[in-house]
Amino acid sequence: MNRSAMLPKTLLLSALLLGLGACQSKSNTAVVQEPSAPAVTLTGNTYGTAITAAGAQPIATLQQVLADKDSAQIKLIGTADAVCQAKGCWLTIKTPTGQDMRVRFKDYAFFVPKDIAGKQVVLNGWAHRETIPVQDLQHYAQDAGKSKQEVAAITQPEQQLTFEADGVLVVE
């Protein structure tokens, strides 16, 4: 191929590269970075769907995420406060306001160890606001080992935050 035939192709290629470079620099100046969750490298045992701590948010952010919604999909980090002593079929986490958030496991498909109270956990799933009936509250109290008097004292439904987890990472 002769040089005169290559010149238009070279000029065209150069113009395209310059144009792409110009577009790239323009889009960089218009990009707005959204804040992201801090990088967390936690390891441990997973139950249910295998998950990592990547992208998990502290429990303190839950109210902001829910805002005025009834539910939201989220990955949270918190500390297990209590665990079902019958099977490990639920756990609770204290919210920043001191309320218990009950965590149940999707489709009753898995359980967690009964001895993880006080351990850090990462939960993946859906947070919900819901009213818990008296019968369920009494059942949870029995599972937690409460006395008959404490169970009988539960007479009113409660508005609570709940969580349906498809995966739980218990941090070692």
Protein backbone atom coordinates (compact mmCIF):
# COMPACT_ATOMS: atom_id res chain seq x y z
CA MET A 1 0.00 0.00 0.00
CA ASN A 2 1.38 3.43 -0.85
CA ARG A 3 1.85 6.28 1.60
CA SER A 4 -0.71 8.55 0.01
CA ALA A 5 -3.45 5.90 0.52
CA MET A 6 -2.50 5.44 4.20
CA LEU A 7 -2.56 9.16 5.01
CA PRO A 8 -6.37 9.59 4.93
CA LYS A 9 -6.83 6.45 7.05
CA THR A 10 -4.24 7.65 9.58
CA LEU A 11 -5.88 11.08 9.76
CA LEU A 12 -9.30 9.50 10.22
CA LEU A 13 -8.03 7.21 12.99
CA SER A 14 -6.31 10.13 14.73
CA ALA A 15 -9.45 12.25 14.55
CA LEU A 16 -11.54 9.42 16.03
CA LEU A 17 -9.11 8.89 18.91
CA LEU A 18 -9.02 12.61 19.67
CA GLY A 19 -12.81 12.74 19.58
CA LEU A 20 -13.10 9.81 21.96
CA GLY A 21 -10.54 11.36 24.28
CA ALA A 22 -12.46 14.64 24.28
CA CYS A 23 -15.73 12.84 25.06
CA GLN A 24 -14.09 10.93 27.88
CA SER A 25 -12.74 14.02 29.59
CA LYS A 26 -16.11 15.77 29.33
CA SER A 27 -17.95 12.87 30.92
CA ASN A 28 -15.40 12.69 33.75
CA THR A 29 -16.12 16.26 34.78
CA ALA A 30 -19.85 15.56 34.91
CA VAL A 31 -19.63 12.40 37.01
CA VAL A 32 -20.99 12.70 40.54
CA GLN A 33 -19.80 10.03 42.92
CA GLU A 34 -22.36 8.81 45.38
CA PRO A 35 -21.18 7.93 48.87
CA SER A 36 -20.75 4.22 49.31
CA ALA A 37 -20.58 1.96 52.32
CA PRO A 38 -17.08 1.65 53.74
CA ALA A 39 -15.09 -1.35 52.60
CA VAL A 40 -15.46 -4.06 55.19
CA THR A 41 -13.52 -7.29 55.27
CA LEU A 42 -15.14 -9.57 57.78
CA THR A 43 -15.05 -13.35 57.71
CA GLY A 44 -16.96 -16.08 59.45
CA ASN A 45 -19.57 -18.74 58.84
CA THR A 46 -22.48 -18.19 56.49
CA TYR A 47 -25.97 -19.63 56.82
CA GLY A 48 -28.50 -19.65 53.99
CA THR A 49 -27.26 -17.94 50.83
CA ALA A 50 -23.49 -17.38 50.98
CA ILE A 51 -22.82 -13.67 51.52
CA THR A 52 -19.90 -11.38 52.31
CA ALA A 53 -19.77 -8.14 54.25
CA ALA A 54 -19.06 -6.13 51.08
CA GLY A 55 -21.55 -3.28 50.77
CA ALA A 56 -23.12 -3.88 54.18
CA GLN A 57 -24.39 -0.85 56.09
CA PRO A 58 -24.52 -0.37 59.85
CA ILE A 59 -27.92 -0.94 61.49
CA ALA A 60 -27.93 2.80 62.33
CA THR A 61 -28.64 3.59 58.65
CA LEU A 62 -31.81 1.47 58.46
CA GLN A 63 -34.25 4.28 59.32
CA GLN A 64 -32.76 6.46 56.55
CA VAL A 65 -32.98 3.61 54.04
CA LEU A 66 -36.59 2.86 54.93
CA ALA A 67 -37.57 6.55 55.13
CA ASP A 68 -41.33 6.49 54.45
CA LYS A 69 -41.37 3.02 52.85
CA ASP A 70 -42.75 -0.13 54.47
CA SER A 71 -39.85 -2.30 53.26
CA ALA A 72 -36.44 -2.12 51.62
CA GLN A 73 -33.84 -4.57 50.40
CA ILE A 74 -30.56 -4.05 52.26
CA LYS A 75 -27.44 -5.69 53.66
CA LEU A 76 -26.88 -4.76 57.32
CA ILE A 77 -24.21 -5.20 59.99
CA GLY A 78 -25.28 -5.45 63.61
CA THR A 79 -24.84 -7.44 66.79
CA ALA A 80 -27.02 -10.45 67.56
CA ASP A 81 -28.82 -9.69 70.82
CA ALA A 82 -30.90 -12.84 71.33
CA VAL A 83 -31.37 -16.10 69.42
CA CYS A 84 -34.22 -18.61 69.42
CA GLN A 85 -33.15 -21.22 71.94
CA ALA A 86 -35.48 -23.86 70.50
CA LYS A 87 -33.89 -24.14 67.02
CA GLY A 88 -31.97 -20.99 66.11
CA CYS A 89 -34.87 -20.06 63.80
CA TRP A 90 -34.71 -16.30 64.55
CA LEU A 91 -32.46 -13.72 66.14
CA THR A 92 -32.86 -10.15 67.29
CA ILE A 93 -30.67 -7.10 66.80
CA LYS A 94 -30.99 -3.89 68.81
CA THR A 95 -31.72 -0.81 66.73
CA PRO A 96 -30.07 2.52 67.66
CA THR A 97 -33.29 3.44 69.51
CA GLY A 98 -32.99 0.30 71.69
CA GLN A 99 -35.82 -1.64 70.04
CA ASP A 100 -35.42 -5.25 69.00
CA MET A 101 -35.51 -6.00 65.28
CA ARG A 102 -36.50 -9.64 64.78
CA VAL A 103 -34.65 -11.44 62.00
CA ARG A 104 -36.33 -14.47 60.48
CA PHE A 105 -34.93 -16.66 57.74
CA LYS A 106 -36.46 -16.80 54.28
CA ASP A 107 -38.76 -19.77 53.74
CA TYR A 108 -37.65 -21.17 57.13
CA ALA A 109 -34.85 -22.68 55.02
CA PHE A 110 -31.98 -22.37 57.52
CA PHE A 111 -31.15 -21.72 61.16
CA VAL A 112 -28.26 -20.06 62.97
CA PRO A 113 -26.34 -21.39 66.00
CA LYS A 114 -28.11 -20.75 69.31
CA ASP A 115 -24.94 -19.38 70.93
CA ILE A 116 -24.24 -16.32 68.75
CA ALA A 117 -25.73 -13.63 71.05
CA GLY A 118 -23.17 -10.84 71.30
CA LYS A 119 -21.52 -11.69 67.97
CA GLN A 120 -21.46 -9.40 64.96
CA VAL A 121 -23.66 -10.53 62.07
CA VAL A 122 -24.16 -9.44 58.47
CA LEU A 123 -27.71 -9.87 57.16
CA ASN A 124 -28.82 -9.82 53.55
CA GLY A 125 -32.51 -9.49 52.73
CA TRP A 126 -35.57 -7.31 53.31
CA ALA A 127 -36.29 -4.97 56.22
CA HIS A 128 -39.99 -4.41 56.99
CA ARG A 129 -42.17 -2.34 59.28
CA GLU A 130 -45.02 -4.47 60.58
CA THR A 131 -47.44 -5.02 63.44
CA ILE A 132 -46.69 -8.26 65.32
CA PRO A 133 -49.77 -10.03 66.74
CA VAL A 134 -49.92 -10.93 70.45
CA GLN A 135 -49.85 -14.68 69.67
CA ASP A 136 -46.57 -14.31 67.74
CA LEU A 137 -45.04 -12.11 70.45
CA GLN A 138 -45.93 -14.71 73.06
CA HIS A 139 -44.48 -17.48 70.90
CA TYR A 140 -41.20 -15.54 70.51
CA ALA A 141 -41.07 -14.96 74.28
CA GLN A 142 -41.48 -18.71 74.89
CA ASP A 143 -38.72 -19.48 72.35
CA ALA A 144 -36.48 -17.00 74.16
CA GLY A 145 -36.99 -18.89 77.44
CA LYS A 146 -39.20 -16.29 79.17
CA SER A 147 -41.25 -17.34 82.20
CA LYS A 148 -44.97 -18.12 81.97
CA GLN A 149 -45.70 -14.84 83.78
CA GLU A 150 -43.63 -12.83 81.28
CA VAL A 151 -45.38 -14.54 78.36
CA ALA A 152 -48.82 -13.93 79.89
CA ALA A 153 -47.98 -10.24 80.40
CA ILE A 154 -47.85 -9.75 76.61
CA THR A 155 -51.34 -8.53 75.77
CA GLN A 156 -50.92 -5.93 73.02
CA PRO A 157 -49.62 -6.20 69.43
CA GLU A 158 -46.42 -4.24 68.72
CA GLN A 159 -45.23 -2.18 65.79
CA GLN A 160 -41.72 -3.46 65.01
CA LEU A 161 -38.98 -3.49 62.44
CA THR A 162 -38.45 -7.01 61.16
CA PHE A 163 -36.00 -8.52 58.72
CA GLU A 164 -36.31 -11.49 56.38
CA ALA A 165 -32.78 -12.72 55.69
CA ASP A 166 -31.82 -14.96 52.80
CA GLY A 167 -28.24 -15.10 54.08
CA VAL A 168 -26.45 -14.48 57.37
CA LEU A 169 -22.70 -14.14 57.97
CA VAL A 170 -21.73 -14.73 61.63
CA VAL A 171 -18.43 -12.93 62.09
CA GLU A 172 -15.64 -14.89 63.80
